Amino acid sequence: MPITYVNVGAAPNDGTGDQLRDAFVKINGSILDLAARTGPGNNLATVTSSLTIDALQARNGIIMATLGGNIALDTANLPASGIPCAYTLILKQDGTGGRTITWLANTTHLNGGNGSVNPVAGSVSVITLITTDGGSHWLAAVTDARPTQLDSYKFNPAGNGSYYVVITGSENIRLGDVTKRGTGTIAYAKSLSATPTSFSSVSGTTAFANGDTLKVTVTSFSDWLTLDVPRESA
């Protein structure tokens, strides 16, 4: 039950306050409510379709769960508008991974985030959710151990041919996510030397070490072509 205040009347012994038993029922209920809110965090075990943020059950505002499916967030028993409150969700991908979240209505993602959680099987994402208007609007921040996104490689080929990048440091190049504008057929290859003599065809997200070379080969060029090749820390 929610916190309930004892009616103490307008003056001592005026007969307008709560009866003694009624007063202690309210006190006991409030104690239980406070204990539920301030005890250890709430572990929901595995959730498969929805996760409800219940203000009366989210002890310390912390909820932990394993994602066993794509889930939608929901709420219950939130404080009234004007009372700021924050909740922390500790969400772990199950052994399959790739589980996604449908966010609460009117959620604004902070730090340039797009609301995605780490999709890797077994990975953990920590989500902070804040509302000040009873859940009508939310601020959200997702923190996890995903690789840092690096500035992409940009190519503007003048025609058919091969173009090269010698890698400095270690990184993953996401060849499956290249943004291509214009006309041309693209192939990618990798060598294991800064002075390559042979290349192996690669695709998808590919790991490159210091001194490796990325080869981008363009055929069927016509008029113009640009490539934006995303990459991330290894």
Protein backbone atom coordinates (compact mmCIF):
# COMPACT_ATOMS: atom_id res chain seq x y z
CA MET A 1 0.00 0.00 0.00
CA PRO A 2 1.18 3.60 -0.53
CA ILE A 3 2.41 5.84 2.27
CA THR A 4 -0.63 7.12 4.18
CA TYR A 5 -0.60 9.98 6.66
CA VAL A 6 -2.33 9.81 10.04
CA ASN A 7 -5.08 12.36 10.55
CA VAL A 8 -4.13 13.98 13.85
CA GLY A 9 -7.19 16.24 14.01
CA ALA A 10 -7.32 19.98 14.32
CA ALA A 11 -6.59 20.10 18.05
CA PRO A 12 -5.82 17.65 20.89
CA ASN A 13 -8.77 15.41 21.78
CA ASP A 14 -11.18 17.19 19.41
CA GLY A 15 -12.50 13.90 18.02
CA THR A 16 -11.69 14.75 14.39
CA GLY A 17 -8.52 12.66 13.98
CA ASP A 18 -8.06 8.96 13.22
CA GLN A 19 -8.98 6.36 15.81
CA LEU A 20 -5.94 4.77 17.46
CA ARG A 21 -6.19 1.47 15.60
CA ASP A 22 -6.79 3.17 12.26
CA ALA A 23 -3.74 5.34 12.88
CA PHE A 24 -1.49 2.35 13.50
CA VAL A 25 -2.85 0.55 10.42
CA LYS A 26 -1.69 3.54 8.41
CA ILE A 27 1.69 3.58 10.18
CA ASN A 28 2.28 -0.15 9.61
CA GLY A 29 1.31 0.16 5.95
CA SER A 30 3.66 3.09 5.47
CA ILE A 31 6.51 1.19 7.13
CA LEU A 32 5.97 -1.77 4.80
CA ASP A 33 5.88 0.55 1.81
CA LEU A 34 9.14 2.24 2.81
CA ALA A 35 10.77 -1.14 3.38
CA ALA A 36 9.73 -2.23 -0.10
CA ARG A 37 11.15 0.92 -1.64
CA THR A 38 14.46 0.99 0.21
CA GLY A 39 15.43 -2.67 0.41
CA PRO A 40 17.69 -4.49 -2.05
CA GLY A 41 17.02 -4.06 -5.76
CA ASN A 42 14.20 -5.99 -7.41
CA ASN A 43 15.27 -8.99 -9.53
CA LEU A 44 12.62 -9.90 -12.10
CA ALA A 45 14.63 -12.91 -13.36
CA THR A 46 13.85 -13.47 -17.06
CA VAL A 47 11.36 -11.27 -18.92
CA THR A 48 10.15 -12.28 -22.36
CA SER A 49 7.67 -9.64 -23.55
CA SER A 50 7.24 -6.80 -21.05
CA LEU A 51 8.93 -5.19 -18.06
CA THR A 52 6.85 -3.10 -15.67
CA ILE A 53 8.54 -0.38 -13.63
CA ASP A 54 6.40 -0.51 -10.49
CA ALA A 55 7.31 2.35 -8.16
CA LEU A 56 6.13 0.32 -5.16
CA GLN A 57 8.30 -2.68 -6.06
CA ALA A 58 11.40 -1.01 -7.53
CA ARG A 59 13.42 -1.07 -4.32
CA ASN A 60 16.00 1.70 -4.33
CA GLY A 61 14.73 2.40 -7.82
CA ILE A 62 16.76 -0.55 -9.18
CA ILE A 63 15.37 -3.36 -11.32
CA MET A 64 17.44 -6.25 -12.68
CA ALA A 65 16.28 -8.67 -15.37
CA THR A 66 17.48 -11.01 -18.10
CA LEU A 67 16.07 -10.34 -21.57
CA GLY A 68 14.55 -13.57 -22.86
CA GLY A 69 12.76 -11.83 -25.73
CA ASN A 70 12.02 -8.41 -27.17
CA ILE A 71 10.36 -6.42 -24.38
CA ALA A 72 8.14 -3.36 -24.01
CA LEU A 73 8.51 -1.12 -20.98
CA ASP A 74 5.48 -0.27 -18.85
CA THR A 75 4.89 1.53 -15.54
CA ALA A 76 2.70 1.30 -12.45
CA ASN A 77 2.13 3.34 -9.29
CA LEU A 78 4.28 6.29 -10.33
CA PRO A 79 4.35 9.41 -8.13
CA ALA A 80 2.27 12.39 -9.19
CA SER A 81 3.54 15.05 -11.58
CA GLY A 82 6.02 17.40 -9.96
CA ILE A 83 7.74 14.68 -7.96
CA PRO A 84 11.04 13.75 -9.68
CA CYS A 85 11.94 10.08 -9.67
CA ALA A 86 14.63 7.94 -11.28
CA TYR A 87 14.86 4.23 -11.98
CA THR A 88 17.82 2.09 -12.97
CA LEU A 89 17.36 -1.01 -15.12
CA ILE A 90 20.17 -3.59 -15.23
CA LEU A 91 19.37 -5.69 -18.28
CA LYS A 92 21.32 -8.74 -19.42
CA GLN A 93 20.96 -10.37 -22.82
CA ASP A 94 20.20 -14.09 -22.63
CA GLY A 95 22.27 -16.73 -24.44
CA THR A 96 20.61 -15.84 -27.75
CA GLY A 97 21.16 -12.07 -27.61
CA GLY A 98 19.80 -9.48 -29.99
CA ARG A 99 16.84 -8.64 -27.72
CA THR A 100 15.42 -5.15 -28.16
CA ILE A 101 13.39 -2.67 -26.08
CA THR A 102 10.22 -0.76 -26.94
CA TRP A 103 10.52 2.43 -24.91
CA LEU A 104 7.90 4.31 -22.94
CA ALA A 105 6.02 7.00 -24.83
CA ASN A 106 7.73 10.40 -25.03
CA THR A 107 11.20 9.11 -24.15
CA THR A 108 14.13 11.38 -25.02
CA HIS A 109 17.48 9.60 -25.30
CA LEU A 110 20.47 11.45 -23.87
CA ASN A 111 24.10 11.62 -25.05
CA GLY A 112 23.12 11.11 -28.67
CA GLY A 113 21.81 7.61 -28.00
CA ASN A 114 19.17 5.91 -30.13
CA GLY A 115 17.72 3.62 -27.46
CA SER A 116 19.53 0.46 -28.51
CA VAL A 117 21.03 -1.87 -25.92
CA ASN A 118 24.10 -4.04 -26.37
CA PRO A 119 22.87 -6.97 -28.53
CA VAL A 120 25.73 -9.37 -27.73
CA ALA A 121 24.64 -12.55 -25.95
CA GLY A 122 25.35 -12.32 -22.23
CA SER A 123 26.14 -8.59 -22.34
CA VAL A 124 24.78 -6.14 -19.76
CA SER A 125 23.26 -2.71 -20.37
CA VAL A 126 22.46 -0.23 -17.58
CA ILE A 127 19.55 2.12 -18.27
CA THR A 128 18.69 5.23 -16.28
CA LEU A 129 15.13 6.53 -16.64
CA ILE A 130 13.98 9.86 -15.16
CA THR A 131 10.54 11.47 -15.08
CA THR A 132 9.32 14.63 -13.36
CA ASP A 133 5.72 14.65 -14.56
CA GLY A 134 4.28 11.35 -13.43
CA GLY A 135 5.55 9.40 -16.43
CA SER A 136 4.19 11.62 -19.19
CA HIS A 137 7.76 12.26 -20.38
CA TRP A 138 11.02 10.42 -19.77
CA LEU A 139 14.75 11.02 -20.09
CA ALA A 140 16.80 7.90 -20.78
CA ALA A 141 20.51 7.05 -20.89
CA VAL A 142 21.97 3.67 -21.86
CA THR A 143 25.43 2.64 -20.68
CA ASP A 144 27.20 -0.53 -21.73
CA ALA A 145 30.51 -1.92 -22.94
CA ARG A 146 29.95 -1.61 -26.66
CA PRO A 147 32.96 -0.60 -28.78
CA THR A 148 33.64 3.10 -29.24
CA GLN A 149 32.54 4.36 -32.63
CA LEU A 150 35.42 5.88 -34.60
CA ASP A 151 35.28 8.40 -37.42
CA SER A 152 34.35 6.57 -40.60
CA TYR A 153 36.60 6.20 -43.65
CA LYS A 154 35.33 8.29 -46.54
CA PHE A 155 36.07 7.48 -50.18
CA ASN A 156 35.33 9.61 -53.22
CA PRO A 157 36.67 7.49 -56.11
CA ALA A 158 37.37 9.25 -59.38
CA GLY A 159 36.75 6.09 -61.41
CA ASN A 160 37.27 2.35 -61.55
CA GLY A 161 40.29 1.04 -59.68
CA SER A 162 41.59 0.05 -56.26
CA TYR A 163 41.94 2.33 -53.26
CA TYR A 164 43.88 1.53 -50.08
CA VAL A 165 43.92 2.40 -46.38
CA VAL A 166 46.78 1.31 -44.09
CA ILE A 167 45.36 0.73 -40.62
CA THR A 168 46.94 2.41 -37.59
CA GLY A 169 46.03 0.66 -34.36
CA SER A 170 43.41 -2.07 -33.94
CA GLU A 171 39.83 -1.63 -35.08
CA ASN A 172 36.78 -3.35 -36.51
CA ILE A 173 35.62 -2.12 -39.91
CA ARG A 174 31.89 -2.64 -40.51
CA LEU A 175 31.88 -3.42 -44.20
CA GLY A 176 28.29 -4.62 -44.04
CA ASP A 177 27.13 -1.15 -42.99
CA VAL A 178 28.85 0.95 -45.67
CA THR A 179 26.78 3.89 -46.95
CA LYS A 180 27.12 4.09 -50.73
CA ARG A 181 25.96 6.98 -52.88
CA GLY A 182 26.27 7.06 -56.63
CA THR A 183 26.96 4.26 -59.10
CA GLY A 184 29.56 1.51 -58.86
CA THR A 185 30.21 -2.04 -57.73
CA ILE A 186 32.33 -2.37 -54.60
CA ALA A 187 34.53 -5.22 -53.34
CA TYR A 188 36.64 -5.30 -50.18
CA ALA A 189 39.83 -7.15 -49.38
CA LYS A 190 42.36 -7.29 -46.56
CA SER A 191 46.09 -7.91 -46.40
CA LEU A 192 48.23 -8.53 -43.35
CA SER A 193 51.03 -6.14 -44.24
CA ALA A 194 51.56 -2.43 -44.78
CA THR A 195 53.31 -3.35 -48.07
CA PRO A 196 50.81 -5.93 -49.33
CA THR A 197 51.46 -8.50 -52.00
CA SER A 198 48.24 -10.48 -51.67
CA PHE A 199 44.74 -9.82 -50.41
CA SER A 200 41.84 -11.91 -49.12
CA SER A 201 38.24 -10.93 -49.81
CA VAL A 202 36.35 -9.78 -46.70
CA SER A 203 32.82 -8.71 -45.82
CA GLY A 204 30.75 -7.86 -42.76
CA THR A 205 32.47 -6.64 -39.60
CA THR A 206 36.17 -7.42 -40.02
CA ALA A 207 38.98 -7.04 -37.49
CA PHE A 208 42.08 -5.15 -38.61
CA ALA A 209 45.35 -4.94 -36.70
CA ASN A 210 48.05 -2.28 -36.85
CA GLY A 211 49.70 -2.38 -40.29
CA ASP A 212 46.91 -4.27 -42.04
CA THR A 213 45.61 -2.81 -45.30
CA LEU A 214 42.02 -2.38 -46.47
CA LYS A 215 41.60 -2.54 -50.24
CA VAL A 216 38.48 -1.08 -51.84
CA THR A 217 37.97 -2.02 -55.48
CA VAL A 218 35.51 -0.11 -57.66
CA THR A 219 34.08 -1.40 -60.94
CA SER A 220 31.20 -0.25 -63.12
CA PHE A 221 31.85 3.36 -62.08
CA SER A 222 29.58 5.97 -63.64
CA ASP A 223 29.51 9.72 -63.04
CA TRP A 224 30.21 9.82 -59.27
CA LEU A 225 30.52 7.67 -56.19
CA THR A 226 31.04 8.19 -52.43
CA LEU A 227 31.52 5.61 -49.70
CA ASP A 228 31.19 6.07 -45.95
CA VAL A 229 32.84 3.08 -44.20
CA PRO A 230 31.99 2.86 -40.46
CA ARG A 231 34.49 1.53 -37.95
CA GLU A 232 34.77 0.99 -34.20
CA SER A 233 37.40 0.20 -31.60
CA ALA A 234 38.44 -3.44 -31.35
